[in-house]
N, C-alpha and C. Protein backbone atom coordinates (compact mmCIF):
# COMPACT_ATOMS: atom_id res chain seq x y z
N MET A 1 0.81 -1.21 0.04
CA MET A 1 -0.01 0.03 -0.01
C MET A 1 0.90 1.13 0.05
N ASP A 2 2.17 1.17 0.30
CA ASP A 2 2.98 2.28 0.29
C ASP A 2 3.31 2.85 -1.10
N GLU A 3 3.33 2.14 -2.06
CA GLU A 3 3.65 2.50 -3.44
C GLU A 3 2.58 3.18 -4.12
N TYR A 4 1.22 2.62 -3.83
CA TYR A 4 0.02 3.09 -4.47
C TYR A 4 -0.15 4.65 -4.40
N PRO A 5 -0.05 5.29 -3.22
CA PRO A 5 -0.12 6.72 -3.12
C PRO A 5 0.88 7.43 -3.85
N PHE A 6 2.12 6.99 -3.80
CA PHE A 6 3.18 7.59 -4.55
C PHE A 6 2.84 7.63 -6.09
N GLN A 7 2.42 6.53 -6.65
CA GLN A 7 2.09 6.39 -8.00
C GLN A 7 0.89 7.34 -8.41
N MET A 8 -0.13 7.27 -7.56
CA MET A 8 -1.22 8.13 -7.80
C MET A 8 -0.77 9.68 -7.80
N HIS A 9 0.09 10.08 -6.88
CA HIS A 9 0.60 11.40 -6.90
C HIS A 9 1.32 11.62 -8.24
N LYS A 10 2.15 10.81 -8.69
CA LYS A 10 2.73 11.07 -10.03
C LYS A 10 1.73 11.22 -11.06
N VAL A 11 0.63 10.43 -11.15
CA VAL A 11 -0.41 10.49 -12.14
C VAL A 11 -1.02 11.92 -12.01
N CYS A 12 -1.34 12.41 -10.72
CA CYS A 12 -1.87 13.69 -10.48
C CYS A 12 -1.00 14.81 -11.11
N MET A 13 0.34 14.74 -10.74
CA MET A 13 1.20 15.80 -11.24
C MET A 13 1.25 15.83 -12.75
N THR A 14 1.23 14.72 -13.44
CA THR A 14 1.11 14.63 -14.83
C THR A 14 -0.20 15.33 -15.42
N LEU A 15 -1.26 14.95 -14.76
CA LEU A 15 -2.52 15.61 -15.11
C LEU A 15 -2.55 17.06 -14.98
N PHE A 16 -2.02 17.44 -13.82
CA PHE A 16 -1.84 19.08 -13.57
C PHE A 16 -1.05 19.72 -14.69
N LYS A 17 0.01 19.06 -15.17
CA LYS A 17 0.78 19.59 -16.21
C LYS A 17 -0.03 19.72 -17.52
N LEU A 18 -0.75 18.63 -17.87
CA LEU A 18 -1.63 18.64 -19.00
C LEU A 18 -2.70 19.72 -19.01
N ILE A 19 -3.30 19.76 -17.73
CA ILE A 19 -4.43 20.76 -17.51
C ILE A 19 -3.83 22.17 -17.67
N GLY A 20 -2.63 22.44 -17.08
CA GLY A 20 -2.12 23.74 -17.20
C GLY A 20 -1.70 24.10 -18.66
N ALA A 21 -1.11 23.15 -19.37
CA ALA A 21 -0.81 23.29 -20.72
C ALA A 21 -2.13 23.64 -21.57
N ASN A 22 -3.13 22.93 -21.37
CA ASN A 22 -4.40 23.13 -22.06
C ASN A 22 -5.12 24.47 -21.74
N LEU A 23 -4.93 24.94 -20.51
CA LEU A 23 -5.44 26.21 -20.03
C LEU A 23 -4.59 27.43 -20.44
N GLY A 24 -3.32 27.17 -21.04
CA GLY A 24 -2.39 28.14 -21.51
C GLY A 24 -1.70 28.80 -20.38
N VAL A 25 -1.57 28.15 -19.17
CA VAL A 25 -0.84 28.71 -18.03
C VAL A 25 0.52 27.73 -17.92
N ASP A 26 1.40 28.21 -17.23
CA ASP A 26 2.77 27.52 -16.98
C ASP A 26 2.42 26.15 -16.31
N PRO A 27 2.52 25.05 -16.95
CA PRO A 27 2.34 23.81 -16.37
C PRO A 27 3.05 23.45 -15.06
N ASP A 28 4.35 23.90 -15.06
CA ASP A 28 5.18 23.69 -13.85
C ASP A 28 4.61 24.52 -12.52
N LYS A 29 4.14 25.65 -12.91
CA LYS A 29 3.61 26.60 -11.80
C LYS A 29 2.36 25.94 -11.19
N LEU A 30 1.43 25.30 -12.09
CA LEU A 30 0.20 24.66 -11.54
C LEU A 30 0.68 23.45 -10.74
N CYS A 31 1.70 22.64 -11.22
CA CYS A 31 2.14 21.50 -10.51
C CYS A 31 2.75 22.06 -9.10
N SER A 32 3.45 23.10 -9.11
CA SER A 32 4.10 23.56 -7.86
C SER A 32 3.02 23.93 -6.77
N ILE A 33 1.83 24.37 -7.25
CA ILE A 33 0.90 24.69 -6.34
C ILE A 33 0.31 23.57 -5.56
N TYR A 34 0.22 22.48 -6.23
CA TYR A 34 -0.33 21.30 -5.61
C TYR A 34 0.74 20.16 -5.21
N GLN A 35 1.91 20.37 -5.52
CA GLN A 35 2.97 19.31 -5.27
C GLN A 35 2.86 18.83 -3.75
N ASP A 36 2.78 19.73 -2.82
CA ASP A 36 2.81 19.34 -1.54
C ASP A 36 1.53 19.32 -0.81
N GLY A 37 0.48 19.06 -1.62
CA GLY A 37 -0.99 19.14 -1.08
C GLY A 37 -1.32 17.88 -0.27
N ILE A 38 -2.23 17.85 0.45
CA ILE A 38 -2.84 16.68 1.19
C ILE A 38 -3.36 15.67 0.21
N GLN A 39 -3.00 14.43 0.51
CA GLN A 39 -3.47 13.35 -0.31
C GLN A 39 -4.26 12.36 0.65
N GLY A 40 -5.49 12.04 0.18
CA GLY A 40 -6.09 10.91 0.93
C GLY A 40 -6.68 9.84 0.00
N ILE A 41 -6.71 8.80 0.76
CA ILE A 41 -7.32 7.43 -0.05
C ILE A 41 -8.54 7.00 0.75
N ARG A 42 -9.48 6.80 0.03
CA ARG A 42 -10.83 6.14 0.65
C ARG A 42 -11.17 5.02 -0.24
N MET A 43 -11.59 3.90 0.37
CA MET A 43 -12.11 2.80 -0.43
C MET A 43 -13.46 2.45 -0.11
N ASN A 44 -14.20 2.24 -1.07
CA ASN A 44 -15.66 1.88 -0.86
C ASN A 44 -15.77 0.65 -1.60
N TYR A 45 -16.45 -0.42 -1.14
CA TYR A 45 -16.57 -1.63 -1.86
C TYR A 45 -18.14 -2.00 -1.97
N TYR A 46 -18.59 -2.05 -3.14
CA TYR A 46 -19.95 -2.45 -3.41
C TYR A 46 -20.06 -3.78 -4.10
N PRO A 47 -20.36 -4.76 -3.29
CA PRO A 47 -20.50 -6.04 -3.95
C PRO A 47 -21.71 -6.21 -4.85
N PRO A 48 -21.74 -7.06 -5.76
CA PRO A 48 -22.95 -7.34 -6.54
C PRO A 48 -24.13 -7.46 -5.67
N CYS A 49 -25.14 -7.01 -6.03
CA CYS A 49 -26.49 -7.13 -5.26
C CYS A 49 -27.75 -7.48 -6.19
N GLN A 50 -28.40 -8.51 -5.76
CA GLN A 50 -29.55 -8.91 -6.63
C GLN A 50 -30.75 -7.78 -6.53
N GLN A 51 -30.70 -7.07 -5.55
CA GLN A 51 -31.83 -6.01 -5.23
C GLN A 51 -31.13 -4.68 -5.39
N ALA A 52 -30.47 -4.22 -6.42
CA ALA A 52 -29.69 -2.93 -6.54
C ALA A 52 -30.57 -1.69 -6.22
N ASP A 53 -31.84 -1.85 -6.42
CA ASP A 53 -32.78 -0.65 -6.10
C ASP A 53 -32.89 -0.52 -4.58
N LYS A 54 -32.46 -1.38 -3.69
CA LYS A 54 -32.62 -1.34 -2.31
C LYS A 54 -31.23 -0.99 -1.62
N VAL A 55 -30.23 -0.74 -2.47
CA VAL A 55 -28.89 -0.44 -1.86
C VAL A 55 -28.84 1.11 -1.63
N ILE A 56 -28.19 1.40 -0.47
CA ILE A 56 -27.93 2.80 -0.20
C ILE A 56 -26.40 3.01 -0.37
N GLY A 57 -25.95 3.84 -1.26
CA GLY A 57 -24.58 4.02 -1.53
C GLY A 57 -24.19 5.39 -0.83
N LEU A 58 -23.35 6.16 -1.53
CA LEU A 58 -22.97 7.49 -1.13
C LEU A 58 -23.96 8.49 -1.61
N THR A 59 -24.29 9.43 -0.94
CA THR A 59 -25.31 10.48 -1.23
C THR A 59 -24.68 11.27 -2.42
N PRO A 60 -25.57 11.81 -3.26
CA PRO A 60 -25.12 12.65 -4.28
C PRO A 60 -24.25 13.90 -3.86
N HIS A 61 -23.15 14.09 -4.46
CA HIS A 61 -22.19 15.08 -3.96
C HIS A 61 -21.26 15.58 -5.14
N SER A 62 -20.72 16.62 -4.81
CA SER A 62 -19.53 17.04 -5.74
C SER A 62 -18.19 16.82 -4.89
N ASP A 63 -17.13 16.59 -5.65
CA ASP A 63 -15.89 16.46 -4.96
C ASP A 63 -15.29 17.78 -4.61
N ALA A 64 -15.03 18.05 -3.43
CA ALA A 64 -14.48 19.24 -2.98
C ALA A 64 -12.91 19.49 -3.23
N THR A 65 -12.29 18.36 -3.64
CA THR A 65 -10.85 18.29 -3.75
C THR A 65 -10.44 18.95 -5.11
N ARG A 66 -9.07 18.78 -5.50
CA ARG A 66 -8.64 19.21 -6.74
C ARG A 66 -8.86 18.19 -7.78
N LEU A 67 -8.49 16.96 -7.54
CA LEU A 67 -8.73 15.83 -8.48
C LEU A 67 -9.05 14.57 -7.62
N THR A 68 -9.90 13.84 -8.13
CA THR A 68 -10.32 12.54 -7.54
C THR A 68 -10.01 11.44 -8.60
N LEU A 69 -9.29 10.42 -8.23
CA LEU A 69 -8.90 9.36 -9.18
C LEU A 69 -9.79 8.18 -8.58
N LEU A 70 -10.64 7.64 -9.49
CA LEU A 70 -11.57 6.46 -9.20
C LEU A 70 -11.09 5.18 -9.81
N VAL A 71 -11.02 4.24 -9.17
CA VAL A 71 -10.80 2.87 -9.81
C VAL A 71 -11.94 1.98 -9.39
N GLN A 72 -12.58 1.58 -10.40
CA GLN A 72 -13.74 0.54 -10.33
C GLN A 72 -13.14 -0.85 -10.40
N VAL A 73 -13.27 -1.79 -9.51
CA VAL A 73 -12.69 -3.04 -9.46
C VAL A 73 -13.61 -4.19 -9.74
N ASN A 74 -14.91 -3.84 -9.93
CA ASN A 74 -15.79 -5.02 -10.36
C ASN A 74 -16.88 -4.33 -11.21
N ASP A 75 -17.77 -5.10 -11.75
CA ASP A 75 -18.60 -4.79 -12.82
C ASP A 75 -19.87 -4.13 -12.17
N VAL A 76 -19.96 -3.95 -10.93
CA VAL A 76 -21.07 -3.25 -10.09
C VAL A 76 -21.21 -1.87 -10.73
N GLN A 77 -22.35 -1.49 -11.21
CA GLN A 77 -22.53 -0.19 -11.87
C GLN A 77 -23.30 0.73 -10.75
N GLY A 78 -22.62 1.71 -10.28
CA GLY A 78 -23.11 2.44 -9.26
C GLY A 78 -22.60 4.01 -9.35
N LEU A 79 -21.55 4.16 -10.01
CA LEU A 79 -21.04 5.56 -10.18
C LEU A 79 -21.93 6.25 -11.28
N GLN A 80 -22.23 7.50 -10.88
CA GLN A 80 -23.04 8.30 -11.92
C GLN A 80 -22.47 9.70 -11.93
N ILE A 81 -22.60 10.40 -12.91
CA ILE A 81 -22.26 11.87 -13.06
C ILE A 81 -23.49 12.54 -13.34
N LYS A 82 -23.51 13.84 -13.09
CA LYS A 82 -24.65 14.75 -13.31
C LYS A 82 -24.43 15.55 -14.51
N LYS A 83 -25.18 15.40 -15.60
CA LYS A 83 -25.00 16.00 -16.82
C LYS A 83 -26.40 16.56 -17.21
N SER A 84 -26.41 18.00 -17.36
CA SER A 84 -27.54 18.66 -17.78
C SER A 84 -28.67 18.25 -16.74
N ASP A 85 -28.37 18.31 -15.53
CA ASP A 85 -29.45 18.13 -14.45
C ASP A 85 -30.04 16.56 -14.49
N THR A 86 -29.29 15.75 -15.10
CA THR A 86 -29.69 14.33 -15.15
C THR A 86 -28.49 13.51 -14.67
N TRP A 87 -28.79 12.60 -13.77
CA TRP A 87 -27.71 11.60 -13.30
C TRP A 87 -27.48 10.45 -14.34
N VAL A 88 -26.34 10.34 -14.94
CA VAL A 88 -26.13 9.34 -15.88
C VAL A 88 -25.09 8.30 -15.44
N PRO A 89 -25.55 7.06 -15.52
CA PRO A 89 -24.65 5.95 -14.92
C PRO A 89 -23.39 5.79 -15.80
N ILE A 90 -22.28 5.51 -15.06
CA ILE A 90 -21.03 5.24 -15.88
C ILE A 90 -20.72 3.73 -15.77
N LYS A 91 -20.56 3.18 -16.96
CA LYS A 91 -20.39 1.75 -17.00
C LYS A 91 -18.82 1.51 -16.68
N PRO A 92 -18.50 0.54 -15.75
CA PRO A 92 -17.10 0.38 -15.41
C PRO A 92 -16.35 -0.28 -16.68
N ILE A 93 -15.10 0.32 -16.83
CA ILE A 93 -14.21 -0.32 -17.84
C ILE A 93 -12.98 -0.87 -17.14
N PRO A 94 -12.80 -2.21 -17.29
CA PRO A 94 -11.78 -2.78 -16.59
C PRO A 94 -10.25 -2.05 -16.91
N GLY A 95 -9.67 -1.77 -15.78
CA GLY A 95 -8.35 -1.17 -15.81
C GLY A 95 -8.32 0.32 -16.01
N ALA A 96 -9.47 0.94 -16.14
CA ALA A 96 -9.62 2.33 -16.33
C ALA A 96 -9.50 3.14 -15.03
N ILE A 97 -8.96 4.40 -15.10
CA ILE A 97 -9.04 5.25 -13.89
C ILE A 97 -9.86 6.35 -14.27
N ILE A 98 -11.08 6.67 -13.50
CA ILE A 98 -11.94 7.66 -13.82
C ILE A 98 -11.35 9.05 -13.06
N ILE A 99 -11.18 10.09 -13.67
CA ILE A 99 -10.67 11.34 -13.12
C ILE A 99 -11.86 12.43 -12.98
N ASN A 100 -12.06 12.74 -11.75
CA ASN A 100 -13.00 13.76 -11.49
C ASN A 100 -12.23 15.16 -11.14
N ILE A 101 -12.65 16.16 -11.71
CA ILE A 101 -12.04 17.45 -11.40
C ILE A 101 -12.98 18.16 -10.29
N GLY A 102 -12.38 18.35 -9.22
CA GLY A 102 -13.10 18.86 -8.03
C GLY A 102 -13.37 20.23 -8.02
N ASP A 103 -14.08 20.77 -7.04
CA ASP A 103 -14.72 22.10 -6.88
C ASP A 103 -13.59 23.09 -6.86
N ILE A 104 -12.41 22.68 -6.08
CA ILE A 104 -11.26 23.56 -5.87
C ILE A 104 -10.66 24.03 -7.28
N MET A 105 -10.63 23.09 -8.31
CA MET A 105 -10.10 23.41 -9.59
C MET A 105 -11.09 24.38 -10.31
C-alpha cells in the first residue's frame, strides 16, 4: 500500500501539467501549487447485489478536492455523473481510472 499513493501522486502531477498546458498557463507553476498538497485514500466496496434498487450508497455530491482518481474493481454499476441536471450511470471499464475534477479546480 506504500507504493500506491506515490504512483497516484505522479499521475496527478502529470494531469496538472496537461491541464495547465491546455489552459495556457505554465504547467510547472500549476504543479508547484499542488505538489505538497494533502492526499487521501478512501476505499468503498460495493458487492454485486440482486436488489440494486434497495442499496444505499454514497449520497449525491460534488468532490471538494482538486482531483479525484476513481478505480472501479468490479462490474457493479453505481457511479453516476450529473450532466444537464440528469444523473447518468458510468459503465465500469476494466483497468480504467476515472478522473473527477473537483470544486477547488
